[in-house]
Amino acid sequence: MGVALVTLAVVSQRPLLRLGLNALLGTAPGLEVLPEGADQQQAQVLLLDSALPDLEALLEQGRSASFRALVVAPVDDAAEAERLLHRGARGYVPLTSPLPELVECVLEVARGEVGLPARLNKLLLSRMAGADLKAPLEPLSEREHEILGLLCQGRSNKAIAQKLYLSVRTVEGHLANLYAKLGVNSRTQAALAGLALRPGEAAPR
């Protein structure tokens, strides 16, 4: 049995951009681009043009729909990436990115991770490292503290599980507890909160 492909649809009102991305991503291993005219919301990942007039409505819809939204934009913009992540985007990729980087971001979003190129991820984390974020609502356990540290390093759930000799399901459970304690609802927000914590605030109990 072959490996299941990640289904993808490009949403843009600019034909050249839409057709170009369809053609490029259609050759990428691990991806299946839905054809023009197909029901786009049947895709696992929607690649959304940042110029869409209804972009934020689609992002809000994606919070409760089956698809995950990845925004493509003209340039690196950490402030805009942060804003859209808070609005419901699962990732943000500049159109200046090489194709392998774009493909990796699509696959990360499909896995439930945040899809950001490495450079933009560093810009975003650096931008927020000194932010005035709240301390955890209750102390983190030793295991949660370990997982948060690995999350701040950009590790995937699978990589965290391998590092700590846990199952991916167990890591997901710890992450759910972490989100609740930190008062966040995404990996990026949790990582930002972890970086902004002052010594002792995330100390294990």
Protein backbone atom coordinates (compact mmCIF):
# COMPACT_ATOMS: atom_id res chain seq x y z
CA MET A 1 0.00 0.00 0.00
CA GLY A 2 1.42 3.39 -1.00
CA VAL A 3 1.87 6.38 1.26
CA ALA A 4 -1.23 8.60 1.43
CA LEU A 5 -0.78 11.91 -0.37
CA VAL A 6 -1.57 15.27 1.21
CA THR A 7 -4.38 16.89 -0.75
CA LEU A 8 -3.92 20.56 -1.54
CA ALA A 9 -5.85 23.34 -3.24
CA VAL A 10 -4.56 26.77 -4.24
CA VAL A 11 -7.01 29.63 -3.66
CA SER A 12 -6.21 32.84 -5.53
CA GLN A 13 -8.02 35.30 -7.77
CA ARG A 14 -4.78 35.78 -9.73
CA PRO A 15 -4.75 33.16 -12.50
CA LEU A 16 -0.99 33.24 -13.11
CA LEU A 17 -0.23 32.72 -9.44
CA ARG A 18 -2.84 29.98 -9.04
CA LEU A 19 -1.87 28.08 -12.18
CA GLY A 20 1.85 28.50 -11.50
CA LEU A 21 1.58 27.10 -7.97
CA ASN A 22 -0.66 24.28 -9.17
CA ALA A 23 1.92 23.31 -11.79
CA LEU A 24 4.89 23.50 -9.41
CA LEU A 25 3.25 21.71 -6.49
CA GLY A 26 1.70 19.11 -8.78
CA THR A 27 5.19 17.71 -9.38
CA ALA A 28 6.16 17.62 -5.68
CA PRO A 29 6.39 14.23 -3.97
CA GLY A 30 3.83 13.61 -1.25
CA LEU A 31 1.29 16.13 -2.57
CA GLU A 32 -1.86 15.83 -4.64
CA VAL A 33 -3.15 19.14 -6.05
CA LEU A 34 -6.89 19.15 -6.58
CA PRO A 35 -7.88 20.10 -10.14
CA GLU A 36 -9.48 23.40 -11.08
CA GLY A 37 -13.21 23.30 -10.35
CA ALA A 38 -12.94 20.72 -7.57
CA ASP A 39 -14.43 21.38 -4.13
CA GLN A 40 -11.45 23.15 -2.56
CA GLN A 41 -12.65 22.61 0.97
CA GLN A 42 -12.19 18.86 0.51
CA ALA A 43 -8.44 19.49 0.53
CA GLN A 44 -6.41 18.89 3.69
CA VAL A 45 -4.48 22.11 3.11
CA LEU A 46 -5.68 25.30 1.44
CA LEU A 47 -2.90 27.50 0.10
CA LEU A 48 -4.41 30.98 0.40
CA ASP A 49 -3.19 34.03 -1.52
CA SER A 50 -2.65 36.86 0.97
CA ALA A 51 -4.33 39.22 -1.52
CA LEU A 52 -7.70 37.45 -1.25
CA PRO A 53 -10.40 39.94 -0.21
CA ASP A 54 -12.06 37.27 1.98
CA LEU A 55 -8.80 35.93 3.43
CA GLU A 56 -9.68 36.52 7.06
CA ALA A 57 -13.13 34.99 6.63
CA LEU A 58 -11.51 31.85 5.20
CA LEU A 59 -9.03 31.75 8.09
CA GLU A 60 -11.85 32.00 10.60
CA GLN A 61 -13.75 29.28 8.76
CA GLY A 62 -10.66 27.09 8.88
CA ARG A 63 -10.73 27.04 12.68
CA SER A 64 -13.72 24.70 12.60
CA ALA A 65 -13.49 23.20 9.10
CA SER A 66 -11.59 20.09 8.04
CA PHE A 67 -8.99 22.03 6.02
CA ARG A 68 -5.91 23.83 7.34
CA ALA A 69 -4.94 27.21 5.92
CA LEU A 70 -1.44 28.13 4.75
CA VAL A 71 -1.01 31.72 3.55
CA VAL A 72 1.37 32.64 0.71
CA ALA A 73 2.50 36.26 0.60
CA PRO A 74 4.89 38.39 -1.49
CA VAL A 75 7.64 38.86 1.12
CA ASP A 76 8.86 37.91 4.61
CA ASP A 77 6.81 39.92 7.09
CA ALA A 78 7.05 38.71 10.67
CA ALA A 79 4.40 41.13 11.94
CA GLU A 80 1.89 40.09 9.27
CA ALA A 81 2.72 36.41 9.78
CA GLU A 82 2.07 36.77 13.50
CA ARG A 83 -1.22 38.57 12.88
CA LEU A 84 -2.48 35.91 10.47
CA LEU A 85 -1.41 33.05 12.75
CA HIS A 86 -3.52 34.60 15.48
CA ARG A 87 -6.39 34.89 12.98
CA GLY A 88 -6.33 31.17 12.27
CA ALA A 89 -3.62 30.55 9.67
CA ARG A 90 -1.55 27.39 10.24
CA GLY A 91 1.43 28.78 8.36
CA TYR A 92 2.82 31.64 6.30
CA VAL A 93 5.22 31.33 3.35
CA PRO A 94 6.69 34.13 1.23
CA LEU A 95 6.59 33.61 -2.54
CA THR A 96 10.35 34.17 -2.57
CA SER A 97 10.78 30.75 -0.90
CA PRO A 98 12.32 27.90 -2.89
CA LEU A 99 9.93 25.12 -3.87
CA PRO A 100 11.29 22.52 -1.38
CA GLU A 101 10.70 24.98 1.47
CA LEU A 102 7.13 25.63 0.34
CA VAL A 103 6.48 21.88 0.06
CA GLU A 104 7.88 21.29 3.56
CA CYS A 105 5.59 23.99 4.97
CA VAL A 106 2.58 22.35 3.30
CA LEU A 107 3.53 18.98 4.82
CA GLU A 108 4.07 20.56 8.25
CA VAL A 109 0.63 22.17 8.15
CA ALA A 110 -0.93 18.86 7.07
CA ARG A 111 0.69 17.19 10.12
CA GLY A 112 -0.87 19.77 12.42
CA GLU A 113 2.32 21.77 12.88
CA VAL A 114 2.97 25.43 12.08
CA GLY A 115 4.35 25.89 8.56
CA LEU A 116 7.00 28.62 8.56
CA PRO A 117 10.30 28.84 6.68
CA ALA A 118 13.26 28.66 9.08
CA ARG A 119 14.28 32.28 8.52
CA LEU A 120 10.79 33.62 9.13
CA ASN A 121 10.36 31.39 12.16
CA LYS A 122 13.50 32.91 13.68
CA LEU A 123 12.32 36.44 12.86
CA LEU A 124 8.94 35.78 14.44
CA LEU A 125 10.36 34.19 17.58
CA SER A 126 12.96 36.96 17.94
CA ARG A 127 10.26 39.58 17.50
CA MET A 128 8.16 38.07 20.26
CA ALA A 129 10.90 36.86 22.61
CA GLY A 130 10.65 39.98 24.75
CA ALA A 131 6.88 40.31 24.58
CA ASP A 132 4.89 40.80 27.74
CA LEU A 133 3.20 37.41 27.73
CA LYS A 134 1.44 35.97 30.74
CA ALA A 135 3.00 33.38 33.04
CA PRO A 136 1.41 29.91 33.00
CA LEU A 137 -2.00 29.72 34.66
CA GLU A 138 -0.56 26.88 36.77
CA PRO A 139 2.93 25.39 37.11
CA LEU A 140 4.21 23.11 34.37
CA SER A 141 5.17 19.54 35.15
CA GLU A 142 8.71 18.37 34.51
CA ARG A 143 7.60 16.57 31.34
CA GLU A 144 5.66 19.62 30.10
CA HIS A 145 8.73 21.74 30.74
CA GLU A 146 10.83 19.36 28.62
CA ILE A 147 8.28 19.36 25.80
CA LEU A 148 8.00 23.15 25.82
CA GLY A 149 11.78 23.43 25.50
CA LEU A 150 11.79 21.12 22.49
CA LEU A 151 8.81 22.98 21.01
CA CYS A 152 10.78 26.23 21.26
CA GLN A 153 13.52 24.53 19.22
CA GLY A 154 11.00 23.95 16.42
CA ARG A 155 10.78 20.18 16.93
CA SER A 156 7.80 18.32 15.44
CA ASN A 157 5.58 16.06 17.56
CA LYS A 158 7.32 13.04 16.07
CA ALA A 159 10.77 14.44 16.86
CA ILE A 160 9.73 15.28 20.43
CA ALA A 161 8.32 11.77 20.87
CA GLN A 162 11.57 10.19 19.62
CA LYS A 163 13.70 12.42 21.82
CA LEU A 164 11.71 11.65 24.98
CA TYR A 165 10.90 7.99 24.14
CA LEU A 166 7.16 8.68 24.12
CA SER A 167 4.36 7.95 21.68
CA VAL A 168 3.15 10.76 19.44
CA ARG A 169 -0.29 10.45 21.07
CA THR A 170 1.26 10.99 24.51
CA VAL A 171 3.09 14.09 23.24
CA GLU A 172 -0.18 15.41 21.82
CA GLY A 173 -1.81 14.95 25.23
CA HIS A 174 0.98 16.87 26.95
CA LEU A 175 0.70 19.63 24.35
CA ALA A 176 -3.03 19.97 25.01
CA ASN A 177 -2.27 20.42 28.72
CA LEU A 178 0.48 22.92 27.87
CA TYR A 179 -1.85 24.99 25.71
CA ALA A 180 -4.40 25.13 28.51
CA LYS A 181 -1.83 26.15 31.14
CA LEU A 182 -0.24 28.77 28.89
CA GLY A 183 -3.61 30.11 27.72
CA VAL A 184 -2.74 29.60 24.02
CA ASN A 185 -4.24 27.60 21.14
CA SER A 186 -1.35 26.96 18.75
CA ARG A 187 2.21 25.65 18.66
CA THR A 188 3.57 29.05 17.64
CA GLN A 189 1.85 30.82 20.52
CA ALA A 190 3.14 28.17 22.94
CA ALA A 191 6.69 28.56 21.61
CA LEU A 192 6.47 32.34 21.89
CA ALA A 193 5.18 32.04 25.43
CA GLY A 194 8.02 29.65 26.27
CA LEU A 195 10.65 32.03 24.93
CA ALA A 196 9.14 34.98 26.76
CA LEU A 197 8.97 33.25 30.15
CA ARG A 198 11.37 34.65 32.71
CA PRO A 199 13.51 32.23 34.76
CA GLY A 200 11.38 30.29 37.20
CA GLU A 201 8.03 30.92 35.59
CA ALA A 202 8.01 27.60 33.77
CA ALA A 203 9.88 25.71 36.46
CA PRO A 204 8.83 22.09 36.79
CA ARG A 205 6.94 21.06 39.88
